[in-house]
């Protein structure tokens, strides 16, 4: 006997994934954020705060002690 109703697979629920890397939350003072924004403003492309923080972390990890 044939099915009268076609069954379609369910779509995933929720917001679609935006990236592969896990999100890391960090608390920092307004003063530190202002310093980071000031640093970002001196860069050629004036990156947003999150990008500036990532760049500064990369720079810090590459720095020799």
PDB file of N, CA and C in Angstrom:
ATOM      1  N   UNK A   1       0.831  -1.174   0.000  1.00  0.00           N
ATOM      2  CA  UNK A   1       0.000   0.000   0.000  1.00  0.00           C
ATOM      3  C   UNK A   1       0.884   1.249   0.000  1.00  0.00           C
ATOM      4  N   UNK A   2       0.563   2.218  -0.826  1.00  0.00           N
ATOM      5  CA  UNK A   2       1.355   3.438  -0.959  1.00  0.00           C
ATOM      6  C   UNK A   2       0.977   4.451   0.111  1.00  0.00           C
ATOM      7  N   UNK A   3       1.959   5.221   0.511  1.00  0.00           N
ATOM      8  CA  UNK A   3       1.697   6.284   1.486  1.00  0.00           C
ATOM      9  C   UNK A   3       0.935   7.404   0.809  1.00  0.00           C
ATOM     10  N   UNK A   4      -0.016   7.973   1.487  1.00  0.00           N
ATOM     11  CA  UNK A   4      -0.775   9.076   0.922  1.00  0.00           C
ATOM     12  C   UNK A   4      -0.157  10.432   1.259  1.00  0.00           C
ATOM     13  N   UNK A   5       0.640  10.480   2.320  1.00  0.00           N
ATOM     14  CA  UNK A   5       1.275  11.730   2.736  1.00  0.00           C
ATOM     15  C   UNK A   5       2.783  11.554   2.598  1.00  0.00           C
ATOM     16  N   UNK A   6       3.413  12.486   1.878  1.00  0.00           N
ATOM     17  CA  UNK A   6       4.864  12.423   1.738  1.00  0.00           C
ATOM     18  C   UNK A   6       5.511  13.029   2.971  1.00  0.00           C
ATOM     19  N   UNK A   7       6.481  12.320   3.491  1.00  0.00           N
ATOM     20  CA  UNK A   7       7.195  12.761   4.689  1.00  0.00           C
ATOM     21  C   UNK A   7       8.476  13.467   4.268  1.00  0.00           C
ATOM     22  N   UNK A   8       8.644  14.721   4.698  1.00  0.00           N
ATOM     23  CA  UNK A   8       9.882  15.438   4.382  1.00  0.00           C
ATOM     24  C   UNK A   8      10.694  15.578   5.659  1.00  0.00           C
ATOM     25  N   UNK A   9      12.035  15.526   5.541  1.00  0.00           N
ATOM     26  CA  UNK A   9      12.860  15.652   6.752  1.00  0.00           C
ATOM     27  C   UNK A   9      12.679  17.022   7.396  1.00  0.00           C
ATOM     28  N   UNK A  10      12.730  17.038   8.730  1.00  0.00           N
ATOM     29  CA  UNK A  10      12.563  18.297   9.461  1.00  0.00           C
ATOM     30  C   UNK A  10      13.802  19.165   9.312  1.00  0.00           C
ATOM     31  N   UNK A  11      13.576  20.461   9.278  1.00  0.00           N
ATOM     32  CA  UNK A  11      14.669  21.410   9.201  1.00  0.00           C
ATOM     33  C   UNK A  11      15.242  21.592  10.602  1.00  0.00           C
ATOM     34  N   UNK A  12      16.565  21.870  10.692  1.00  0.00           N
ATOM     35  CA  UNK A  12      17.152  22.117  12.015  1.00  0.00           C
ATOM     36  C   UNK A  12      16.519  23.354  12.658  1.00  0.00           C
ATOM     37  N   UNK A  13      16.341  23.292  13.957  1.00  0.00           N
ATOM     38  CA  UNK A  13      15.743  24.406  14.674  1.00  0.00           C
ATOM     39  C   UNK A  13      16.814  25.352  15.176  1.00  0.00           C
ATOM     40  N   UNK A  14      16.422  26.591  15.390  1.00  0.00           N
ATOM     41  CA  UNK A  14      17.328  27.579  15.969  1.00  0.00           C
ATOM     42  C   UNK A  14      18.105  28.349  14.928  1.00  0.00           C
ATOM     43  N   UNK A  15      18.940  29.214  15.432  1.00  0.00           N
ATOM     44  CA  UNK A  15      19.747  30.069  14.572  1.00  0.00           C
ATOM     45  C   UNK A  15      20.838  29.251  13.886  1.00  0.00           C
ATOM     46  N   UNK A  16      21.072  29.483  12.589  1.00  0.00           N
ATOM     47  CA  UNK A  16      22.139  28.745  11.921  1.00  0.00           C
ATOM     48  C   UNK A  16      23.517  29.138  12.457  1.00  0.00           C
ATOM     49  N   UNK A  17      24.441  28.215  12.391  1.00  0.00           N
ATOM     50  CA  UNK A  17      25.794  28.470  12.874  1.00  0.00           C
ATOM     51  C   UNK A  17      26.444  29.578  12.048  1.00  0.00           C
ATOM     52  N   UNK A  18      27.137  30.492  12.724  1.00  0.00           N
ATOM     53  CA  UNK A  18      27.773  31.609  12.028  1.00  0.00           C
ATOM     54  C   UNK A  18      29.258  31.391  11.830  1.00  0.00           C
ATOM     55  N   UNK A  19      29.838  30.477  12.528  1.00  0.00           N
ATOM     56  CA  UNK A  19      31.266  30.243  12.410  1.00  0.00           C
ATOM     57  C   UNK A  19      31.654  28.899  12.982  1.00  0.00           C
ATOM     58  N   UNK A  20      32.896  28.542  12.777  1.00  0.00           N
ATOM     59  CA  UNK A  20      33.376  27.248  13.249  1.00  0.00           C
ATOM     60  C   UNK A  20      34.036  27.352  14.618  1.00  0.00           C
ATOM     61  N   UNK A  21      34.553  28.521  14.924  1.00  0.00           N
ATOM     62  CA  UNK A  21      35.280  28.691  16.179  1.00  0.00           C
ATOM     63  C   UNK A  21      34.325  28.970  17.338  1.00  0.00           C
ATOM     64  N   UNK A  22      34.634  28.420  18.515  1.00  0.00           N
ATOM     65  CA  UNK A  22      33.780  28.694  19.671  1.00  0.00           C
ATOM     66  C   UNK A  22      33.913  30.148  20.133  1.00  0.00           C
ATOM     67  N   UNK A  23      32.838  30.684  20.670  1.00  0.00           N
ATOM     68  CA  UNK A  23      32.822  32.055  21.162  1.00  0.00           C
ATOM     69  C   UNK A  23      33.431  32.082  22.559  1.00  0.00           C
ATOM     70  N   UNK A  24      34.264  33.079  22.821  1.00  0.00           N
ATOM     71  CA  UNK A  24      34.882  33.255  24.133  1.00  0.00           C
ATOM     72  C   UNK A  24      34.489  34.628  24.644  1.00  0.00           C
ATOM     73  N   UNK A  25      33.833  34.675  25.782  1.00  0.00           N
ATOM     74  CA  UNK A  25      33.436  35.949  26.371  1.00  0.00           C
ATOM     75  C   UNK A  25      34.485  36.427  27.364  1.00  0.00           C
ATOM     76  N   UNK A  26      34.741  37.719  27.357  1.00  0.00           N
ATOM     77  CA  UNK A  26      35.743  38.288  28.259  1.00  0.00           C
ATOM     78  C   UNK A  26      35.181  39.564  28.866  1.00  0.00           C
ATOM     79  N   UNK A  27      35.337  39.717  30.166  1.00  0.00           N
ATOM     80  CA  UNK A  27      34.954  40.963  30.821  1.00  0.00           C
ATOM     81  C   UNK A  27      36.181  41.851  30.912  1.00  0.00           C
ATOM     82  N   UNK A  28      36.004  43.135  30.580  1.00  0.00           N
ATOM     83  CA  UNK A  28      37.110  44.081  30.716  1.00  0.00           C
ATOM     84  C   UNK A  28      36.553  45.454  31.033  1.00  0.00           C
ATOM     85  N   UNK A  29      37.354  46.246  31.689  1.00  0.00           N
ATOM     86  CA  UNK A  29      36.921  47.573  32.105  1.00  0.00           C
ATOM     87  C   UNK A  29      36.719  48.481  30.896  1.00  0.00           C
ATOM     88  N   UNK A  30      35.958  49.532  31.101  1.00  0.00           N
ATOM     89  CA  UNK A  30      35.745  50.524  30.040  1.00  0.00           C
ATOM     90  C   UNK A  30      37.067  51.174  29.643  1.00  0.00           C
ATOM     91  N   UNK A  31      37.955  51.368  30.639  1.00  0.00           N
ATOM     92  CA  UNK A  31      39.246  51.980  30.356  1.00  0.00           C
ATOM     93  C   UNK A  31      40.067  51.116  29.396  1.00  0.00           C
ATOM     94  N   UNK A  32      40.083  49.812  29.634  1.00  0.00           N
ATOM     95  CA  UNK A  32      40.822  48.909  28.758  1.00  0.00           C
ATOM     96  C   UNK A  32      40.197  48.885  27.362  1.00  0.00           C
ATOM     97  N   UNK A  33      38.877  48.878  27.300  1.00  0.00           N
ATOM     98  CA  UNK A  33      38.200  48.922  26.000  1.00  0.00           C
ATOM     99  C   UNK A  33      38.539  50.215  25.254  1.00  0.00           C
ATOM    100  N   UNK A  34      38.596  51.319  25.993  1.00  0.00           N
ATOM    101  CA  UNK A  34      38.965  52.599  25.371  1.00  0.00           C
ATOM    102  C   UNK A  34      40.387  52.553  24.814  1.00  0.00           C
ATOM    103  N   UNK A  35      41.300  51.925  25.564  1.00  0.00           N
ATOM    104  CA  UNK A  35      42.679  51.799  25.076  1.00  0.00           C
ATOM    105  C   UNK A  35      42.728  50.957  23.803  1.00  0.00           C
ATOM    106  N   UNK A  36      41.958  49.893  23.771  1.00  0.00           N
ATOM    107  CA  UNK A  36      41.928  49.025  22.588  1.00  0.00           C
ATOM    108  C   UNK A  36      41.328  49.775  21.404  1.00  0.00           C
ATOM    109  N   UNK A  37      40.255  50.523  21.650  1.00  0.00           N
ATOM    110  CA  UNK A  37      39.644  51.314  20.569  1.00  0.00           C
ATOM    111  C   UNK A  37      40.625  52.378  20.055  1.00  0.00           C
ATOM    112  N   UNK A  38      41.377  52.978  20.965  1.00  0.00           N
ATOM    113  CA  UNK A  38      42.384  53.972  20.573  1.00  0.00           C
ATOM    114  C   UNK A  38      43.441  53.315  19.686  1.00  0.00           C
ATOM    115  N   UNK A  39      43.913  52.132  20.082  1.00  0.00           N
ATOM    116  CA  UNK A  39      44.879  51.387  19.276  1.00  0.00           C
ATOM    117  C   UNK A  39      44.282  51.058  17.908  1.00  0.00           C
ATOM    118  N   UNK A  40      43.019  50.609  17.902  1.00  0.00           N
ATOM    119  CA  UNK A  40      42.362  50.237  16.646  1.00  0.00           C
ATOM    120  C   UNK A  40      42.227  51.445  15.722  1.00  0.00           C
ATOM    121  N   UNK A  41      41.980  52.613  16.295  1.00  0.00           N
ATOM    122  CA  UNK A  41      41.838  53.821  15.497  1.00  0.00           C
ATOM    123  C   UNK A  41      43.108  54.210  14.760  1.00  0.00           C
ATOM    124  N   UNK A  42      44.257  53.782  15.280  1.00  0.00           N
ATOM    125  CA  UNK A  42      45.532  54.073  14.633  1.00  0.00           C
ATOM    126  C   UNK A  42      45.836  53.112  13.486  1.00  0.00           C
ATOM    127  N   UNK A  43      45.100  52.010  13.404  1.00  0.00           N
ATOM    128  CA  UNK A  43      45.340  51.029  12.347  1.00  0.00           C
ATOM    129  C   UNK A  43      44.744  51.518  11.034  1.00  0.00           C
ATOM    130  N   UNK A  44      45.294  51.049   9.923  1.00  0.00           N
ATOM    131  CA  UNK A  44      44.830  51.487   8.602  1.00  0.00           C
ATOM    132  C   UNK A  44      43.350  51.234   8.380  1.00  0.00           C
ATOM    133  N   UNK A  45      42.871  50.044   8.786  1.00  0.00           N
ATOM    134  CA  UNK A  45      41.485  49.666   8.491  1.00  0.00           C
ATOM    135  C   UNK A  45      40.513  49.959   9.632  1.00  0.00           C
ATOM    136  N   UNK A  46      40.991  50.513  10.746  1.00  0.00           N
ATOM    137  CA  UNK A  46      40.166  50.840  11.914  1.00  0.00           C
ATOM    138  C   UNK A  46      39.196  49.695  12.233  1.00  0.00           C
ATOM    139  N   UNK A  47      39.727  48.544  12.695  1.00  0.00           N
ATOM    140  CA  UNK A  47      38.886  47.367  12.921  1.00  0.00           C
ATOM    141  C   UNK A  47      37.901  47.554  14.074  1.00  0.00           C
ATOM    142  N   UNK A  48      36.804  46.800  14.057  1.00  0.00           N
ATOM    143  CA  UNK A  48      35.885  46.827  15.198  1.00  0.00           C
ATOM    144  C   UNK A  48      36.567  46.242  16.447  1.00  0.00           C
ATOM    145  N   UNK A  49      35.953  46.461  17.589  1.00  0.00           N
ATOM    146  CA  UNK A  49      36.556  46.072  18.867  1.00  0.00           C
ATOM    147  C   UNK A  49      36.938  44.593  18.908  1.00  0.00           C
ATOM    148  N   UNK A  50      36.056  43.697  18.488  1.00  0.00           N
ATOM    149  CA  UNK A  50      36.341  42.263  18.557  1.00  0.00           C
ATOM    150  C   UNK A  50      37.551  41.896  17.706  1.00  0.00           C
ATOM    151  N   UNK A  51      37.645  42.467  16.519  1.00  0.00           N
ATOM    152  CA  UNK A  51      38.783  42.194  15.640  1.00  0.00           C
ATOM    153  C   UNK A  51      40.066  42.756  16.244  1.00  0.00           C
ATOM    154  N   UNK A  52      39.984  43.944  16.819  1.00  0.00           N
ATOM    155  CA  UNK A  52      41.158  44.553  17.450  1.00  0.00           C
ATOM    156  C   UNK A  52      41.652  43.685  18.609  1.00  0.00           C
ATOM    157  N   UNK A  53      40.743  43.153  19.398  1.00  0.00           N
ATOM    158  CA  UNK A  53      41.130  42.300  20.526  1.00  0.00           C
ATOM    159  C   UNK A  53      41.828  41.045  20.002  1.00  0.00           C
ATOM    160  N   UNK A  54      41.268  40.409  18.958  1.00  0.00           N
ATOM    161  CA  UNK A  54      41.904  39.224  18.384  1.00  0.00           C
ATOM    162  C   UNK A  54      43.315  39.544  17.881  1.00  0.00           C
ATOM    163  N   UNK A  55      43.470  40.666  17.196  1.00  0.00           N
ATOM    164  CA  UNK A  55      44.792  41.046  16.678  1.00  0.00           C
ATOM    165  C   UNK A  55      45.789  41.280  17.807  1.00  0.00           C
ATOM    166  N   UNK A  56      45.352  41.961  18.852  1.00  0.00           N
ATOM    167  CA  UNK A  56      46.247  42.225  19.974  1.00  0.00           C
ATOM    168  C   UNK A  56      46.658  40.938  20.678  1.00  0.00           C
ATOM    169  N   UNK A  57      45.751  39.994  20.795  1.00  0.00           N
ATOM    170  CA  UNK A  57      46.091  38.697  21.398  1.00  0.00           C
ATOM    171  C   UNK A  57      47.115  37.981  20.526  1.00  0.00           C
ATOM    172  N   UNK A  58      46.902  37.988  19.195  1.00  0.00           N
ATOM    173  CA  UNK A  58      47.865  37.353  18.287  1.00  0.00           C
ATOM    174  C   UNK A  58      49.240  38.012  18.400  1.00  0.00           C
ATOM    175  N   UNK A  59      49.268  39.342  18.451  1.00  0.00           N
ATOM    176  CA  UNK A  59      50.533  40.071  18.595  1.00  0.00           C
ATOM    177  C   UNK A  59      51.209  39.686  19.905  1.00  0.00           C
ATOM    178  N   UNK A  60      50.436  39.633  20.967  1.00  0.00           N
ATOM    179  CA  UNK A  60      50.995  39.265  22.269  1.00  0.00           C
ATOM    180  C   UNK A  60      51.545  37.859  22.287  1.00  0.00           C
ATOM    181  N   UNK A  61      50.893  36.934  21.608  1.00  0.00           N
ATOM    182  CA  UNK A  61      51.371  35.561  21.588  1.00  0.00           C
ATOM    183  C   UNK A  61      52.637  35.414  20.734  1.00  0.00           C
ATOM    184  N   UNK A  62      52.799  36.258  19.730  1.00  0.00           N
ATOM    185  CA  UNK A  62      53.979  36.179  18.866  1.00  0.00           C
ATOM    186  C   UNK A  62      55.187  36.897  19.474  1.00  0.00           C
ATOM    187  N   UNK A  63      54.942  37.793  20.415  1.00  0.00           N
ATOM    188  CA  UNK A  63      56.023  38.594  21.001  1.00  0.00           C
ATOM    189  C   UNK A  63      57.003  37.700  21.751  1.00  0.00           C
ATOM    190  N   UNK A  64      58.282  38.023  21.582  1.00  0.00           N
ATOM    191  CA  UNK A  64      59.305  37.279  22.316  1.00  0.00           C
ATOM    192  C   UNK A  64      59.484  37.915  23.681  1.00  0.00           C
ATOM    193  N   UNK A  65      59.727  37.097  24.664  1.00  0.00           N
ATOM    194  CA  UNK A  65      59.914  37.606  26.029  1.00  0.00           C
ATOM    195  C   UNK A  65      61.312  38.083  26.218  1.00  0.00           C
TER     196      UNK A  65
END
